[in-house]
Amino acid sequence: MQIHYLSEDNSVLNHFLGQIRNVNVQHDSMRFRRNIERIGEVMAYELSKDLRYKNIEIQTPLGIKKDNGN
């Protein structure tokens, strides 16, 4: 298993984590929820970089397109 320390780098993820830790933001439920969603989106994006993809052929209106899954 590979461990990623996303919070070590200066990133937008750290900004959202800091906001949800802030007691003033915790009282704003909509902002808190939105930041949780954003954290999930950032983490999903980072994790998707390590997924294995396979080459496939896709039938398009213009013909067959080879796609590498990315």
PDB file of N, CA and C in Angstrom:
ATOM      1  N   MET A   1       0.839  -1.167   0.000  1.00  0.00           N
ATOM      2  CA  MET A   1       0.000   0.000   0.000  1.00  0.00           C
ATOM      3  C   MET A   1       0.892   1.240   0.000  1.00  0.00           C
ATOM      4  N   GLN A   2       0.531   2.182  -0.850  1.00  0.00           N
ATOM      5  CA  GLN A   2       1.282   3.418  -0.948  1.00  0.00           C
ATOM      6  C   GLN A   2       0.572   4.494  -0.127  1.00  0.00           C
ATOM      7  N   ILE A   3       1.323   5.263   0.635  1.00  0.00           N
ATOM      8  CA  ILE A   3       0.755   6.313   1.468  1.00  0.00           C
ATOM      9  C   ILE A   3       1.068   7.658   0.837  1.00  0.00           C
ATOM     10  N   HIS A   4       0.036   8.477   0.682  1.00  0.00           N
ATOM     11  CA  HIS A   4       0.187   9.824   0.132  1.00  0.00           C
ATOM     12  C   HIS A   4      -0.054  10.834   1.248  1.00  0.00           C
ATOM     13  N   TYR A   5       0.878  11.713   1.460  1.00  0.00           N
ATOM     14  CA  TYR A   5       0.723  12.773   2.452  1.00  0.00           C
ATOM     15  C   TYR A   5       0.309  14.045   1.724  1.00  0.00           C
ATOM     16  N   LEU A   6      -0.980  14.152   1.429  1.00  0.00           N
ATOM     17  CA  LEU A   6      -1.478  15.294   0.668  1.00  0.00           C
ATOM     18  C   LEU A   6      -1.419  16.580   1.469  1.00  0.00           C
ATOM     19  N   SER A   7      -1.469  16.474   2.772  1.00  0.00           N
ATOM     20  CA  SER A   7      -1.505  17.686   3.584  1.00  0.00           C
ATOM     21  C   SER A   7      -0.124  18.279   3.839  1.00  0.00           C
ATOM     22  N   GLU A   8       0.947  17.634   3.390  1.00  0.00           N
ATOM     23  CA  GLU A   8       2.289  18.169   3.595  1.00  0.00           C
ATOM     24  C   GLU A   8       2.610  19.310   2.629  1.00  0.00           C
ATOM     25  N   ASP A   9       2.008  19.289   1.456  1.00  0.00           N
ATOM     26  CA  ASP A   9       2.276  20.322   0.461  1.00  0.00           C
ATOM     27  C   ASP A   9       1.324  21.491   0.649  1.00  0.00           C
ATOM     28  N   ASN A  10       1.773  22.663   0.242  1.00  0.00           N
ATOM     29  CA  ASN A  10       0.911  23.833   0.272  1.00  0.00           C
ATOM     30  C   ASN A  10      -0.066  23.712  -0.887  1.00  0.00           C
ATOM     31  N   SER A  11      -1.326  23.464  -0.580  1.00  0.00           N
ATOM     32  CA  SER A  11      -2.294  23.229  -1.642  1.00  0.00           C
ATOM     33  C   SER A  11      -3.666  23.729  -1.235  1.00  0.00           C
ATOM     34  N   VAL A  12      -4.581  23.687  -2.175  1.00  0.00           N
ATOM     35  CA  VAL A  12      -5.962  24.073  -1.901  1.00  0.00           C
ATOM     36  C   VAL A  12      -6.592  23.109  -0.891  1.00  0.00           C
ATOM     37  N   LEU A  13      -6.122  21.871  -0.862  1.00  0.00           N
ATOM     38  CA  LEU A  13      -6.614  20.904   0.119  1.00  0.00           C
ATOM     39  C   LEU A  13      -6.344  21.392   1.540  1.00  0.00           C
ATOM     40  N   ASN A  14      -5.156  21.915   1.778  1.00  0.00           N
ATOM     41  CA  ASN A  14      -4.826  22.445   3.103  1.00  0.00           C
ATOM     42  C   ASN A  14      -5.714  23.635   3.464  1.00  0.00           C
ATOM     43  N   HIS A  15      -6.063  24.432   2.476  1.00  0.00           N
ATOM     44  CA  HIS A  15      -6.960  25.566   2.712  1.00  0.00           C
ATOM     45  C   HIS A  15      -8.316  25.073   3.208  1.00  0.00           C
ATOM     46  N   PHE A  16      -8.881  24.059   2.539  1.00  0.00           N
ATOM     47  CA  PHE A  16     -10.183  23.525   2.942  1.00  0.00           C
ATOM     48  C   PHE A  16     -10.109  22.829   4.296  1.00  0.00           C
ATOM     49  N   LEU A  17      -9.017  22.115   4.561  1.00  0.00           N
ATOM     50  CA  LEU A  17      -8.849  21.468   5.865  1.00  0.00           C
ATOM     51  C   LEU A  17      -8.777  22.504   6.983  1.00  0.00           C
ATOM     52  N   GLY A  18      -8.060  23.573   6.729  1.00  0.00           N
ATOM     53  CA  GLY A  18      -7.964  24.633   7.722  1.00  0.00           C
ATOM     54  C   GLY A  18      -9.312  25.257   8.018  1.00  0.00           C
ATOM     55  N   GLN A  19     -10.128  25.410   6.983  1.00  0.00           N
ATOM     56  CA  GLN A  19     -11.446  26.002   7.197  1.00  0.00           C
ATOM     57  C   GLN A  19     -12.355  25.098   8.008  1.00  0.00           C
ATOM     58  N   ILE A  20     -12.339  23.781   7.736  1.00  0.00           N
ATOM     59  CA  ILE A  20     -13.241  22.916   8.504  1.00  0.00           C
ATOM     60  C   ILE A  20     -12.769  22.743   9.941  1.00  0.00           C
ATOM     61  N   ARG A  21     -11.492  23.001  10.195  1.00  0.00           N
ATOM     62  CA  ARG A  21     -10.984  22.947  11.570  1.00  0.00           C
ATOM     63  C   ARG A  21     -11.318  24.224  12.353  1.00  0.00           C
ATOM     64  N   ASN A  22     -11.583  25.303  11.636  1.00  0.00           N
ATOM     65  CA  ASN A  22     -11.873  26.597  12.245  1.00  0.00           C
ATOM     66  C   ASN A  22     -13.243  26.545  12.923  1.00  0.00           C
ATOM     67  N   VAL A  23     -13.288  26.886  14.198  1.00  0.00           N
ATOM     68  CA  VAL A  23     -14.529  26.813  14.965  1.00  0.00           C
ATOM     69  C   VAL A  23     -15.603  27.740  14.388  1.00  0.00           C
ATOM     70  N   ASN A  24     -15.207  28.863  13.794  1.00  0.00           N
ATOM     71  CA  ASN A  24     -16.179  29.778  13.202  1.00  0.00           C
ATOM     72  C   ASN A  24     -16.822  29.203  11.948  1.00  0.00           C
ATOM     73  N   VAL A  25     -16.058  28.449  11.175  1.00  0.00           N
ATOM     74  CA  VAL A  25     -16.595  27.813   9.970  1.00  0.00           C
ATOM     75  C   VAL A  25     -17.489  26.633  10.348  1.00  0.00           C
ATOM     76  N   GLN A  26     -17.168  25.967  11.439  1.00  0.00           N
ATOM     77  CA  GLN A  26     -17.967  24.827  11.870  1.00  0.00           C
ATOM     78  C   GLN A  26     -19.393  25.233  12.213  1.00  0.00           C
ATOM     79  N   HIS A  27     -19.609  26.482  12.574  1.00  0.00           N
ATOM     80  CA  HIS A  27     -20.961  26.958  12.863  1.00  0.00           C
ATOM     81  C   HIS A  27     -21.739  27.277  11.587  1.00  0.00           C
ATOM     82  N   ASP A  28     -21.047  27.420  10.469  1.00  0.00           N
ATOM     83  CA  ASP A  28     -21.686  27.661   9.170  1.00  0.00           C
ATOM     84  C   ASP A  28     -21.813  26.315   8.460  1.00  0.00           C
ATOM     85  N   SER A  29     -22.948  25.654   8.652  1.00  0.00           N
ATOM     86  CA  SER A  29     -23.094  24.264   8.179  1.00  0.00           C
ATOM     87  C   SER A  29     -22.977  24.121   6.664  1.00  0.00           C
ATOM     88  N   MET A  30     -23.471  25.086   5.903  1.00  0.00           N
ATOM     89  CA  MET A  30     -23.377  24.979   4.441  1.00  0.00           C
ATOM     90  C   MET A  30     -21.924  25.097   3.969  1.00  0.00           C
ATOM     91  N   ARG A  31     -21.186  26.001   4.557  1.00  0.00           N
ATOM     92  CA  ARG A  31     -19.779  26.160   4.187  1.00  0.00           C
ATOM     93  C   ARG A  31     -18.977  24.937   4.612  1.00  0.00           C
ATOM     94  N   PHE A  32     -19.270  24.410   5.791  1.00  0.00           N
ATOM     95  CA  PHE A  32     -18.595  23.207   6.270  1.00  0.00           C
ATOM     96  C   PHE A  32     -18.848  22.044   5.314  1.00  0.00           C
ATOM     97  N   ARG A  33     -20.119  21.830   4.944  1.00  0.00           N
ATOM     98  CA  ARG A  33     -20.458  20.732   4.018  1.00  0.00           C
ATOM     99  C   ARG A  33     -19.791  20.905   2.670  1.00  0.00           C
ATOM    100  N   ARG A  34     -19.805  22.134   2.160  1.00  0.00           N
ATOM    101  CA  ARG A  34     -19.197  22.387   0.852  1.00  0.00           C
ATOM    102  C   ARG A  34     -17.692  22.106   0.898  1.00  0.00           C
ATOM    103  N   ASN A  35     -17.039  22.468   1.991  1.00  0.00           N
ATOM    104  CA  ASN A  35     -15.607  22.189   2.115  1.00  0.00           C
ATOM    105  C   ASN A  35     -15.336  20.692   2.206  1.00  0.00           C
ATOM    106  N   ILE A  36     -16.211  19.944   2.866  1.00  0.00           N
ATOM    107  CA  ILE A  36     -16.073  18.480   2.899  1.00  0.00           C
ATOM    108  C   ILE A  36     -16.189  17.919   1.486  1.00  0.00           C
ATOM    109  N   GLU A  37     -17.134  18.441   0.697  1.00  0.00           N
ATOM    110  CA  GLU A  37     -17.275  18.000  -0.703  1.00  0.00           C
ATOM    111  C   GLU A  37     -16.008  18.308  -1.489  1.00  0.00           C
ATOM    112  N   ARG A  38     -15.485  19.497  -1.304  1.00  0.00           N
ATOM    113  CA  ARG A  38     -14.267  19.902  -2.027  1.00  0.00           C
ATOM    114  C   ARG A  38     -13.081  19.023  -1.658  1.00  0.00           C
ATOM    115  N   ILE A  39     -12.951  18.707  -0.377  1.00  0.00           N
ATOM    116  CA  ILE A  39     -11.868  17.822   0.057  1.00  0.00           C
ATOM    117  C   ILE A  39     -12.007  16.465  -0.619  1.00  0.00           C
ATOM    118  N   GLY A  40     -13.232  15.943  -0.700  1.00  0.00           N
ATOM    119  CA  GLY A  40     -13.470  14.670  -1.385  1.00  0.00           C
ATOM    120  C   GLY A  40     -13.096  14.729  -2.854  1.00  0.00           C
ATOM    121  N   GLU A  41     -13.415  15.839  -3.506  1.00  0.00           N
ATOM    122  CA  GLU A  41     -13.083  16.000  -4.919  1.00  0.00           C
ATOM    123  C   GLU A  41     -11.570  16.031  -5.132  1.00  0.00           C
ATOM    124  N   VAL A  42     -10.859  16.776  -4.298  1.00  0.00           N
ATOM    125  CA  VAL A  42      -9.403  16.878  -4.424  1.00  0.00           C
ATOM    126  C   VAL A  42      -8.758  15.516  -4.169  1.00  0.00           C
ATOM    127  N   MET A  43      -9.229  14.828  -3.139  1.00  0.00           N
ATOM    128  CA  MET A  43      -8.651  13.516  -2.819  1.00  0.00           C
ATOM    129  C   MET A  43      -8.940  12.505  -3.925  1.00  0.00           C
ATOM    130  N   ALA A  44     -10.154  12.529  -4.485  1.00  0.00           N
ATOM    131  CA  ALA A  44     -10.486  11.612  -5.580  1.00  0.00           C
ATOM    132  C   ALA A  44      -9.600  11.878  -6.793  1.00  0.00           C
ATOM    133  N   TYR A  45      -9.366  13.146  -7.091  1.00  0.00           N
ATOM    134  CA  TYR A  45      -8.493  13.495  -8.211  1.00  0.00           C
ATOM    135  C   TYR A  45      -7.076  12.980  -7.979  1.00  0.00           C
ATOM    136  N   GLU A  46      -6.541  13.218  -6.794  1.00  0.00           N
ATOM    137  CA  GLU A  46      -5.178  12.777  -6.490  1.00  0.00           C
ATOM    138  C   GLU A  46      -5.066  11.255  -6.530  1.00  0.00           C
ATOM    139  N   LEU A  47      -6.040  10.568  -5.994  1.00  0.00           N
ATOM    140  CA  LEU A  47      -6.004   9.103  -5.986  1.00  0.00           C
ATOM    141  C   LEU A  47      -6.166   8.523  -7.392  1.00  0.00           C
ATOM    142  N   SER A  48      -6.927   9.216  -8.250  1.00  0.00           N
ATOM    143  CA  SER A  48      -7.140   8.694  -9.605  1.00  0.00           C
ATOM    144  C   SER A  48      -5.860   8.685 -10.432  1.00  0.00           C
ATOM    145  N   LYS A  49      -4.860   9.445 -10.017  1.00  0.00           N
ATOM    146  CA  LYS A  49      -3.584   9.457 -10.739  1.00  0.00           C
ATOM    147  C   LYS A  49      -2.880   8.106 -10.673  1.00  0.00           C
ATOM    148  N   ASP A  50      -3.172   7.308  -9.648  1.00  0.00           N
ATOM    149  CA  ASP A  50      -2.498   6.028  -9.472  1.00  0.00           C
ATOM    150  C   ASP A  50      -3.318   4.834  -9.943  1.00  0.00           C
ATOM    151  N   LEU A  51      -4.507   5.080 -10.480  1.00  0.00           N
ATOM    152  CA  LEU A  51      -5.333   3.971 -10.963  1.00  0.00           C
ATOM    153  C   LEU A  51      -4.751   3.403 -12.249  1.00  0.00           C
ATOM    154  N   ARG A  52      -4.977   2.133 -12.462  1.00  0.00           N
ATOM    155  CA  ARG A  52      -4.520   1.485 -13.700  1.00  0.00           C
ATOM    156  C   ARG A  52      -5.646   1.544 -14.723  1.00  0.00           C
ATOM    157  N   TYR A  53      -5.293   1.962 -15.919  1.00  0.00           N
ATOM    158  CA  TYR A  53      -6.255   2.063 -17.010  1.00  0.00           C
ATOM    159  C   TYR A  53      -5.856   1.100 -18.110  1.00  0.00           C
ATOM    160  N   LYS A  54      -6.820   0.688 -18.918  1.00  0.00           N
ATOM    161  CA  LYS A  54      -6.495  -0.181 -20.045  1.00  0.00           C
ATOM    162  C   LYS A  54      -6.947   0.483 -21.331  1.00  0.00           C
ATOM    163  N   ASN A  55      -6.291   0.144 -22.420  1.00  0.00           N
ATOM    164  CA  ASN A  55      -6.647   0.680 -23.732  1.00  0.00           C
ATOM    165  C   ASN A  55      -7.929   0.033 -24.230  1.00  0.00           C
ATOM    166  N   ILE A  56      -8.810   0.860 -24.764  1.00  0.00           N
ATOM    167  CA  ILE A  56     -10.058   0.357 -25.339  1.00  0.00           C
ATOM    168  C   ILE A  56     -10.312   1.063 -26.663  1.00  0.00           C
ATOM    169  N   GLU A  57     -11.197   0.477 -27.463  1.00  0.00           N
ATOM    170  CA  GLU A  57     -11.625   1.105 -28.708  1.00  0.00           C
ATOM    171  C   GLU A  57     -13.062   1.568 -28.536  1.00  0.00           C
ATOM    172  N   ILE A  58     -13.316   2.808 -28.956  1.00  0.00           N
ATOM    173  CA  ILE A  58     -14.631   3.402 -28.818  1.00  0.00           C
ATOM    174  C   ILE A  58     -15.178   3.697 -30.207  1.00  0.00           C
ATOM    175  N   GLN A  59     -16.419   3.279 -30.447  1.00  0.00           N
ATOM    176  CA  GLN A  59     -17.078   3.593 -31.716  1.00  0.00           C
ATOM    177  C   GLN A  59     -17.666   5.000 -31.623  1.00  0.00           C
ATOM    178  N   THR A  60     -17.191   5.895 -32.469  1.00  0.00           N
ATOM    179  CA  THR A  60     -17.704   7.262 -32.522  1.00  0.00           C
ATOM    180  C   THR A  60     -18.441   7.441 -33.847  1.00  0.00           C
ATOM    181  N   PRO A  61     -19.181   8.529 -34.016  1.00  0.00           N
ATOM    182  CA  PRO A  61     -19.845   8.776 -35.303  1.00  0.00           C
ATOM    183  C   PRO A  61     -18.866   8.884 -36.471  1.00  0.00           C
ATOM    184  N   LEU A  62     -17.610   9.218 -36.183  1.00  0.00           N
ATOM    185  CA  LEU A  62     -16.614   9.379 -37.242  1.00  0.00           C
ATOM    186  C   LEU A  62     -15.742   8.151 -37.446  1.00  0.00           C
ATOM    187  N   GLY A  63     -15.921   7.125 -36.619  1.00  0.00           N
ATOM    188  CA  GLY A  63     -15.125   5.924 -36.760  1.00  0.00           C
ATOM    189  C   GLY A  63     -14.707   5.388 -35.390  1.00  0.00           C
ATOM    190  N   ILE A  64     -13.718   4.511 -35.418  1.00  0.00           N
ATOM    191  CA  ILE A  64     -13.240   3.895 -34.171  1.00  0.00           C
ATOM    192  C   ILE A  64     -12.086   4.723 -33.626  1.00  0.00           C
ATOM    193  N   LYS A  65     -12.139   5.022 -32.342  1.00  0.00           N
ATOM    194  CA  LYS A  65     -11.094   5.793 -31.653  1.00  0.00           C
ATOM    195  C   LYS A  65     -10.456   4.910 -30.605  1.00  0.00           C
ATOM    196  N   LYS A  66      -9.140   4.820 -30.624  1.00  0.00           N
ATOM    197  CA  LYS A  66      -8.425   4.115 -29.576  1.00  0.00           C
ATOM    198  C   LYS A  66      -8.249   5.075 -28.411  1.00  0.00           C
ATOM    199  N   ASP A  67      -8.662   4.635 -27.224  1.00  0.00           N
ATOM    200  CA  ASP A  67      -8.600   5.464 -26.035  1.00  0.00           C
ATOM    201  C   ASP A  67      -7.776   4.746 -24.989  1.00  0.00           C
ATOM    202  N   ASN A  68      -6.874   5.477 -24.341  1.00  0.00           N
ATOM    203  CA  ASN A  68      -6.030   4.848 -23.332  1.00  0.00           C
ATOM    204  C   ASN A  68      -6.662   4.876 -21.946  1.00  0.00           C
ATOM    205  N   GLY A  69      -7.937   5.280 -21.831  1.00  0.00           N
ATOM    206  CA  GLY A  69      -8.629   5.240 -20.553  1.00  0.00           C
ATOM    207  C   GLY A  69      -8.406   6.457 -19.696  1.00  0.00           C
ATOM    208  N   ASN A  70      -7.596   7.392 -20.129  1.00  0.00           N
ATOM    209  CA  ASN A  70      -7.357   8.605 -19.334  1.00  0.00           C
ATOM    210  C   ASN A  70      -8.264   9.703 -19.760  1.00  0.00           C
TER     211      ASN A  70
END
